[in-house]
Amino acid sequence: AKNPASAHGFHDATTDATKIDEWWLAQPSFN
């Protein structure tokens, strides 16, 4: 889907690998 999975959508965008790991380890199939 195109719906943001984070609390603030594009405002949450980051290049921080630790945060990216947190998101995708919680749900590996996120777009």
PDB file of all heavy atoms in Angstrom:
ATOM      1  N   ALA A   1       0.841  -1.196   0.000  1.00  0.00           N
ATOM      2  CA  ALA A   1       0.000   0.000   0.000  1.00  0.00           C
ATOM      3  C   ALA A   1       0.878   1.249   0.000  1.00  0.00           C
ATOM      4  O   ALA A   1       2.096   1.156   0.097  1.00  0.00           O
ATOM      5  CB  ALA A   1      -0.922   0.000   1.218  1.00  0.00           C
ATOM      6  N   LYS A   2       0.235   2.399  -0.111  1.00  0.00           N
ATOM      7  CA  LYS A   2       0.950   3.680  -0.097  1.00  0.00           C
ATOM      8  C   LYS A   2       0.765   4.426   1.219  1.00  0.00           C
ATOM      9  O   LYS A   2       1.288   5.510   1.392  1.00  0.00           O
ATOM     10  CB  LYS A   2       0.444   4.575  -1.242  1.00  0.00           C
ATOM     11  CG  LYS A   2       0.708   4.036  -2.619  1.00  0.00           C
ATOM     12  CD  LYS A   2       0.139   4.990  -3.668  1.00  0.00           C
ATOM     13  CE  LYS A   2       0.301   4.467  -5.067  1.00  0.00           C
ATOM     14  NZ  LYS A   2      -0.263   5.394  -6.068  1.00  0.00           N
ATOM     15  N   ASN A   3       0.040   3.839   2.159  1.00  0.00           N
ATOM     16  CA  ASN A   3      -0.246   4.494   3.424  1.00  0.00           C
ATOM     17  C   ASN A   3       0.978   4.469   4.335  1.00  0.00           C
ATOM     18  O   ASN A   3       1.547   3.400   4.565  1.00  0.00           O
ATOM     19  CB  ASN A   3      -1.392   3.795   4.150  1.00  0.00           C
ATOM     20  CG  ASN A   3      -2.560   3.521   3.252  1.00  0.00           C
ATOM     21  OD1 ASN A   3      -2.466   2.688   2.361  1.00  0.00           O
ATOM     22  ND2 ASN A   3      -3.653   4.185   3.481  1.00  0.00           N
ATOM     23  N   PRO A   4       1.366   5.609   4.894  1.00  0.00           N
ATOM     24  CA  PRO A   4       2.503   5.616   5.820  1.00  0.00           C
ATOM     25  C   PRO A   4       2.263   4.692   7.014  1.00  0.00           C
ATOM     26  O   PRO A   4       1.145   4.603   7.523  1.00  0.00           O
ATOM     27  CB  PRO A   4       2.596   7.065   6.278  1.00  0.00           C
ATOM     28  CG  PRO A   4       1.932   7.850   5.190  1.00  0.00           C
ATOM     29  CD  PRO A   4       0.839   6.958   4.674  1.00  0.00           C
ATOM     30  N   ALA A   5       3.315   4.014   7.431  1.00  0.00           N
ATOM     31  CA  ALA A   5       3.233   3.118   8.583  1.00  0.00           C
ATOM     32  C   ALA A   5       3.858   3.752   9.820  1.00  0.00           C
ATOM     33  O   ALA A   5       3.825   3.165  10.894  1.00  0.00           O
ATOM     34  CB  ALA A   5       3.924   1.796   8.272  1.00  0.00           C
ATOM     35  N   SER A   6       4.404   4.934   9.676  1.00  0.00           N
ATOM     36  CA  SER A   6       4.988   5.629  10.818  1.00  0.00           C
ATOM     37  C   SER A   6       4.008   6.706  11.294  1.00  0.00           C
ATOM     38  O   SER A   6       3.105   7.109  10.550  1.00  0.00           O
ATOM     39  CB  SER A   6       6.329   6.254  10.442  1.00  0.00           C
ATOM     40  OG  SER A   6       6.168   7.237   9.451  1.00  0.00           O
ATOM     41  N   ALA A   7       4.209   7.172  12.490  1.00  0.00           N
ATOM     42  CA  ALA A   7       3.267   8.109  13.107  1.00  0.00           C
ATOM     43  C   ALA A   7       3.102   9.416  12.341  1.00  0.00           C
ATOM     44  O   ALA A   7       2.011   9.967  12.275  1.00  0.00           O
ATOM     45  CB  ALA A   7       3.697   8.407  14.539  1.00  0.00           C
ATOM     46  N   HIS A   8       4.179   9.907  11.728  1.00  0.00           N
ATOM     47  CA  HIS A   8       4.130  11.218  11.082  1.00  0.00           C
ATOM     48  C   HIS A   8       4.445  11.166   9.588  1.00  0.00           C
ATOM     49  O   HIS A   8       4.834  12.166   8.990  1.00  0.00           O
ATOM     50  CB  HIS A   8       5.086  12.185  11.787  1.00  0.00           C
ATOM     51  CG  HIS A   8       4.771  12.333  13.244  1.00  0.00           C
ATOM     52  ND1 HIS A   8       5.473  11.660  14.222  1.00  0.00           N
ATOM     53  CD2 HIS A   8       3.801  13.026  13.882  1.00  0.00           C
ATOM     54  CE1 HIS A   8       4.956  11.955  15.402  1.00  0.00           C
ATOM     55  NE2 HIS A   8       3.934  12.784  15.222  1.00  0.00           N
ATOM     56  N   GLY A   9       4.307  10.001   8.984  1.00  0.00           N
ATOM     57  CA  GLY A   9       4.500   9.854   7.544  1.00  0.00           C
ATOM     58  C   GLY A   9       5.841  10.383   7.080  1.00  0.00           C
ATOM     59  O   GLY A   9       6.870  10.089   7.679  1.00  0.00           O
ATOM     60  N   PHE A  10       5.826  11.186   6.016  1.00  0.00           N
ATOM     61  CA  PHE A  10       7.080  11.657   5.424  1.00  0.00           C
ATOM     62  C   PHE A  10       7.887  12.524   6.380  1.00  0.00           C
ATOM     63  O   PHE A  10       9.097  12.662   6.220  1.00  0.00           O
ATOM     64  CB  PHE A  10       6.833  12.375   4.093  1.00  0.00           C
ATOM     65  CG  PHE A  10       6.207  13.729   4.205  1.00  0.00           C
ATOM     66  CD1 PHE A  10       6.995  14.858   4.327  1.00  0.00           C
ATOM     67  CD2 PHE A  10       4.826  13.878   4.164  1.00  0.00           C
ATOM     68  CE1 PHE A  10       6.415  16.118   4.415  1.00  0.00           C
ATOM     69  CE2 PHE A  10       4.240  15.128   4.250  1.00  0.00           C
ATOM     70  CZ  PHE A  10       5.040  16.258   4.378  1.00  0.00           C
ATOM     71  N   HIS A  11       7.254  13.069   7.403  1.00  0.00           N
ATOM     72  CA  HIS A  11       7.992  13.846   8.398  1.00  0.00           C
ATOM     73  C   HIS A  11       8.940  12.956   9.213  1.00  0.00           C
ATOM     74  O   HIS A  11       9.862  13.464   9.848  1.00  0.00           O
ATOM     75  CB  HIS A  11       7.039  14.584   9.341  1.00  0.00           C
ATOM     76  CG  HIS A  11       6.236  15.643   8.666  1.00  0.00           C
ATOM     77  ND1 HIS A  11       6.777  16.833   8.219  1.00  0.00           N
ATOM     78  CD2 HIS A  11       4.921  15.688   8.352  1.00  0.00           C
ATOM     79  CE1 HIS A  11       5.834  17.564   7.657  1.00  0.00           C
ATOM     80  NE2 HIS A  11       4.701  16.902   7.719  1.00  0.00           N
ATOM     81  N   ASP A  12       8.703  11.643   9.199  1.00  0.00           N
ATOM     82  CA  ASP A  12       9.561  10.700   9.914  1.00  0.00           C
ATOM     83  C   ASP A  12      10.735  10.213   9.064  1.00  0.00           C
ATOM     84  O   ASP A  12      11.583   9.467   9.557  1.00  0.00           O
ATOM     85  CB  ASP A  12       8.751   9.481  10.375  1.00  0.00           C
ATOM     86  CG  ASP A  12       7.806   9.796  11.505  1.00  0.00           C
ATOM     87  OD1 ASP A  12       8.107  10.705  12.302  1.00  0.00           O
ATOM     88  OD2 ASP A  12       6.748   9.125  11.601  1.00  0.00           O
ATOM     89  N   ALA A  13      10.785  10.598   7.804  1.00  0.00           N
ATOM     90  CA  ALA A  13      11.838  10.111   6.904  1.00  0.00           C
ATOM     91  C   ALA A  13      13.220  10.377   7.503  1.00  0.00           C
ATOM     92  O   ALA A  13      13.484  11.432   8.073  1.00  0.00           O
ATOM     93  CB  ALA A  13      11.718  10.779   5.534  1.00  0.00           C
ATOM     94  N   THR A  14      14.099   9.381   7.355  1.00  0.00           N
ATOM     95  CA  THR A  14      15.418   9.476   7.969  1.00  0.00           C
ATOM     96  C   THR A  14      16.452   8.676   7.174  1.00  0.00           C
ATOM     97  O   THR A  14      16.093   7.791   6.398  1.00  0.00           O
ATOM     98  CB  THR A  14      15.381   8.948   9.420  1.00  0.00           C
ATOM     99  OG1 THR A  14      16.649   9.165  10.031  1.00  0.00           O
ATOM    100  CG2 THR A  14      15.041   7.470   9.490  1.00  0.00           C
ATOM    101  N   THR A  15      17.712   9.000   7.394  1.00  0.00           N
ATOM    102  CA  THR A  15      18.820   8.199   6.869  1.00  0.00           C
ATOM    103  C   THR A  15      19.497   7.439   8.008  1.00  0.00           C
ATOM    104  O   THR A  15      20.515   6.792   7.800  1.00  0.00           O
ATOM    105  CB  THR A  15      19.864   9.088   6.151  1.00  0.00           C
ATOM    106  OG1 THR A  15      20.341  10.071   7.067  1.00  0.00           O
ATOM    107  CG2 THR A  15      19.281   9.742   4.913  1.00  0.00           C
ATOM    108  N   ASP A  16      18.923   7.503   9.205  1.00  0.00           N
ATOM    109  CA  ASP A  16      19.487   6.841  10.388  1.00  0.00           C
ATOM    110  C   ASP A  16      19.261   5.332  10.316  1.00  0.00           C
ATOM    111  O   ASP A  16      18.122   4.854  10.416  1.00  0.00           O
ATOM    112  CB  ASP A  16      18.847   7.428  11.645  1.00  0.00           C
ATOM    113  CG  ASP A  16      19.334   6.763  12.916  1.00  0.00           C
ATOM    114  OD1 ASP A  16      20.533   6.451  13.018  1.00  0.00           O
ATOM    115  OD2 ASP A  16      18.494   6.554  13.823  1.00  0.00           O
ATOM    116  N   ALA A  17      20.346   4.578  10.152  1.00  0.00           N
ATOM    117  CA  ALA A  17      20.257   3.125   9.998  1.00  0.00           C
ATOM    118  C   ALA A  17      19.614   2.452  11.210  1.00  0.00           C
ATOM    119  O   ALA A  17      18.884   1.460  11.055  1.00  0.00           O
ATOM    120  CB  ALA A  17      21.638   2.538   9.735  1.00  0.00           C
ATOM    121  N   THR A  18      19.844   2.981  12.393  1.00  0.00           N
ATOM    122  CA  THR A  18      19.255   2.392  13.597  1.00  0.00           C
ATOM    123  C   THR A  18      17.734   2.484  13.552  1.00  0.00           C
ATOM    124  O   THR A  18      17.030   1.513  13.861  1.00  0.00           O
ATOM    125  CB  THR A  18      19.799   3.091  14.863  1.00  0.00           C
ATOM    126  OG1 THR A  18      21.219   2.934  14.882  1.00  0.00           O
ATOM    127  CG2 THR A  18      19.196   2.502  16.127  1.00  0.00           C
ATOM    128  N   LYS A  19      17.201   3.623  13.157  1.00  0.00           N
ATOM    129  CA  LYS A  19      15.746   3.798  13.050  1.00  0.00           C
ATOM    130  C   LYS A  19      15.181   2.919  11.936  1.00  0.00           C
ATOM    131  O   LYS A  19      14.121   2.301  12.086  1.00  0.00           O
ATOM    132  CB  LYS A  19      15.392   5.271  12.803  1.00  0.00           C
ATOM    133  CG  LYS A  19      13.915   5.549  12.820  1.00  0.00           C
ATOM    134  CD  LYS A  19      13.315   5.238  14.182  1.00  0.00           C
ATOM    135  CE  LYS A  19      11.836   5.510  14.221  1.00  0.00           C
ATOM    136  NZ  LYS A  19      11.246   5.107  15.502  1.00  0.00           N
ATOM    137  N   ILE A  20      15.887   2.859  10.809  1.00  0.00           N
ATOM    138  CA  ILE A  20      15.450   2.014   9.692  1.00  0.00           C
ATOM    139  C   ILE A  20      15.419   0.554  10.121  1.00  0.00           C
ATOM    140  O   ILE A  20      14.463  -0.172   9.828  1.00  0.00           O
ATOM    141  CB  ILE A  20      16.358   2.252   8.465  1.00  0.00           C
ATOM    142  CG1 ILE A  20      16.113   3.667   7.929  1.00  0.00           C
ATOM    143  CG2 ILE A  20      16.122   1.188   7.387  1.00  0.00           C
ATOM    144  CD1 ILE A  20      17.145   4.146   6.941  1.00  0.00           C
ATOM    145  N   ASP A  21      16.448   0.118  10.846  1.00  0.00           N
ATOM    146  CA  ASP A  21      16.461  -1.252  11.380  1.00  0.00           C
ATOM    147  C   ASP A  21      15.257  -1.482  12.285  1.00  0.00           C
ATOM    148  O   ASP A  21      14.592  -2.517  12.184  1.00  0.00           O
ATOM    149  CB  ASP A  21      17.744  -1.522  12.172  1.00  0.00           C
ATOM    150  CG  ASP A  21      18.967  -1.702  11.301  1.00  0.00           C
ATOM    151  OD1 ASP A  21      18.828  -1.915  10.076  1.00  0.00           O
ATOM    152  OD2 ASP A  21      20.083  -1.632  11.861  1.00  0.00           O
ATOM    153  N   GLU A  22      14.950  -0.542  13.137  1.00  0.00           N
ATOM    154  CA  GLU A  22      13.815  -0.667  14.057  1.00  0.00           C
ATOM    155  C   GLU A  22      12.515  -0.885  13.280  1.00  0.00           C
ATOM    156  O   GLU A  22      11.740  -1.790  13.588  1.00  0.00           O
ATOM    157  CB  GLU A  22      13.721   0.593  14.912  1.00  0.00           C
ATOM    158  CG  GLU A  22      12.596   0.608  15.911  1.00  0.00           C
ATOM    159  CD  GLU A  22      12.518   1.931  16.659  1.00  0.00           C
ATOM    160  OE1 GLU A  22      13.570   2.451  17.082  1.00  0.00           O
ATOM    161  OE2 GLU A  22      11.392   2.461  16.799  1.00  0.00           O
ATOM    162  N   TRP A  23      12.290  -0.053  12.264  1.00  0.00           N
ATOM    163  CA  TRP A  23      11.058  -0.172  11.476  1.00  0.00           C
ATOM    164  C   TRP A  23      10.973  -1.509  10.747  1.00  0.00           C
ATOM    165  O   TRP A  23       9.981  -2.221  10.844  1.00  0.00           O
ATOM    166  CB  TRP A  23      10.961   0.956  10.448  1.00  0.00           C
ATOM    167  CG  TRP A  23      10.579   2.293  10.976  1.00  0.00           C
ATOM    168  CD1 TRP A  23       9.787   2.577  12.041  1.00  0.00           C
ATOM    169  CD2 TRP A  23      10.969   3.560  10.430  1.00  0.00           C
ATOM    170  NE1 TRP A  23       9.651   3.941  12.188  1.00  0.00           N
ATOM    171  CE2 TRP A  23      10.367   4.568  11.221  1.00  0.00           C
ATOM    172  CE3 TRP A  23      11.761   3.943   9.362  1.00  0.00           C
ATOM    173  CZ2 TRP A  23      10.524   5.928  10.967  1.00  0.00           C
ATOM    174  CZ3 TRP A  23      11.922   5.299   9.101  1.00  0.00           C
ATOM    175  CH2 TRP A  23      11.325   6.278   9.898  1.00  0.00           C
ATOM    176  N   TRP A  24      12.017  -1.836   9.970  1.00  0.00           N
ATOM    177  CA  TRP A  24      11.932  -3.012   9.105  1.00  0.00           C
ATOM    178  C   TRP A  24      12.150  -4.325   9.837  1.00  0.00           C
ATOM    179  O   TRP A  24      11.716  -5.367   9.355  1.00  0.00           O
ATOM    180  CB  TRP A  24      12.838  -2.860   7.886  1.00  0.00           C
ATOM    181  CG  TRP A  24      12.094  -2.179   6.770  1.00  0.00           C
ATOM    182  CD1 TRP A  24      11.318  -2.789   5.829  1.00  0.00           C
ATOM    183  CD2 TRP A  24      12.001  -0.777   6.509  1.00  0.00           C
ATOM    184  NE1 TRP A  24      10.750  -1.846   4.997  1.00  0.00           N
ATOM    185  CE2 TRP A  24      11.157  -0.593   5.394  1.00  0.00           C
ATOM    186  CE3 TRP A  24      12.550   0.351   7.101  1.00  0.00           C
ATOM    187  CZ2 TRP A  24      10.862   0.642   4.859  1.00  0.00           C
ATOM    188  CZ3 TRP A  24      12.260   1.589   6.571  1.00  0.00           C
ATOM    189  CH2 TRP A  24      11.423   1.724   5.470  1.00  0.00           C
ATOM    190  N   LEU A  25      12.784  -4.326  10.994  1.00  0.00           N
ATOM    191  CA  LEU A  25      12.850  -5.561  11.780  1.00  0.00           C
ATOM    192  C   LEU A  25      11.490  -5.849  12.424  1.00  0.00           C
ATOM    193  O   LEU A  25      11.120  -7.006  12.594  1.00  0.00           O
ATOM    194  CB  LEU A  25      13.963  -5.484  12.834  1.00  0.00           C
ATOM    195  CG  LEU A  25      15.381  -5.552  12.254  1.00  0.00           C
ATOM    196  CD1 LEU A  25      16.411  -5.300  13.347  1.00  0.00           C
ATOM    197  CD2 LEU A  25      15.646  -6.877  11.546  1.00  0.00           C
ATOM    198  N   ALA A  26      10.743  -4.791  12.734  1.00  0.00           N
ATOM    199  CA  ALA A  26       9.400  -4.965  13.285  1.00  0.00           C
ATOM    200  C   ALA A  26       8.424  -5.477  12.224  1.00  0.00           C
ATOM    201  O   ALA A  26       7.535  -6.275  12.521  1.00  0.00           O
ATOM    202  CB  ALA A  26       8.886  -3.654  13.868  1.00  0.00           C
ATOM    203  N   GLN A  27       8.597  -5.028  10.984  1.00  0.00           N
ATOM    204  CA  GLN A  27       7.716  -5.440   9.877  1.00  0.00           C
ATOM    205  C   GLN A  27       8.538  -5.490   8.590  1.00  0.00           C
ATOM    206  O   GLN A  27       8.653  -4.490   7.875  1.00  0.00           O
ATOM    207  CB  GLN A  27       6.546  -4.469   9.735  1.00  0.00           C
ATOM    208  CG  GLN A  27       5.559  -4.802   8.641  1.00  0.00           C
ATOM    209  CD  GLN A  27       5.100  -6.239   8.682  1.00  0.00           C
ATOM    210  OE1 GLN A  27       5.590  -7.074   7.935  1.00  0.00           O
ATOM    211  NE2 GLN A  27       4.152  -6.545   9.555  1.00  0.00           N
ATOM    212  N   PRO A  28       9.115  -6.658   8.272  1.00  0.00           N
ATOM    213  CA  PRO A  28      10.013  -6.785   7.120  1.00  0.00           C
ATOM    214  C   PRO A  28       9.389  -6.482   5.765  1.00  0.00           C
ATOM    215  O   PRO A  28      10.102  -6.179   4.805  1.00  0.00           O
ATOM    216  CB  PRO A  28      10.462  -8.248   7.185  1.00  0.00           C
ATOM    217  CG  PRO A  28      10.221  -8.671   8.592  1.00  0.00           C
ATOM    218  CD  PRO A  28       9.045  -7.879   9.062  1.00  0.00           C
ATOM    219  N   SER A  29       8.053  -6.541   5.669  1.00  0.00           N
ATOM    220  CA  SER A  29       7.407  -6.321   4.373  1.00  0.00           C
ATOM    221  C   SER A  29       6.908  -4.895   4.164  1.00  0.00           C
ATOM    222  O   SER A  29       6.203  -4.624   3.187  1.00  0.00           O
ATOM    223  CB  SER A  29       6.262  -7.317   4.183  1.00  0.00           C
ATOM    224  OG  SER A  29       5.288  -7.143   5.189  1.00  0.00           O
ATOM    225  N   PHE A  30       7.270  -3.967   5.064  1.00  0.00           N
ATOM    226  CA  PHE A  30       6.915  -2.567   4.818  1.00  0.00           C
ATOM    227  C   PHE A  30       7.413  -2.144   3.439  1.00  0.00           C
ATOM    228  O   PHE A  30       8.509  -2.537   3.023  1.00  0.00           O
ATOM    229  CB  PHE A  30       7.593  -1.645   5.836  1.00  0.00           C
ATOM    230  CG  PHE A  30       6.880  -1.476   7.147  1.00  0.00           C
ATOM    231  CD1 PHE A  30       7.605  -1.165   8.292  1.00  0.00           C
ATOM    232  CD2 PHE A  30       5.499  -1.582   7.262  1.00  0.00           C
ATOM    233  CE1 PHE A  30       6.976  -0.979   9.506  1.00  0.00           C
ATOM    234  CE2 PHE A  30       4.859  -1.410   8.480  1.00  0.00           C
ATOM    235  CZ  PHE A  30       5.601  -1.101   9.600  1.00  0.00           C
ATOM    236  N   ASN A  31       6.613  -1.349   2.738  1.00  0.00           N
ATOM    237  CA  ASN A  31       7.086  -0.694   1.521  1.00  0.00           C
ATOM    238  C   ASN A  31       8.049   0.419   1.926  1.00  0.00           C
ATOM    239  O   ASN A  31       8.024   0.896   3.059  1.00  0.00           O
ATOM    240  CB  ASN A  31       5.924  -0.088   0.737  1.00  0.00           C
ATOM    241  CG  ASN A  31       5.209  -1.105  -0.117  1.00  0.00           C
ATOM    242  OD1 ASN A  31       5.736  -2.154  -0.435  1.00  0.00           O
ATOM    243  ND2 ASN A  31       3.982  -0.785  -0.485  1.00  0.00           N
TER     244      ASN A  31
END
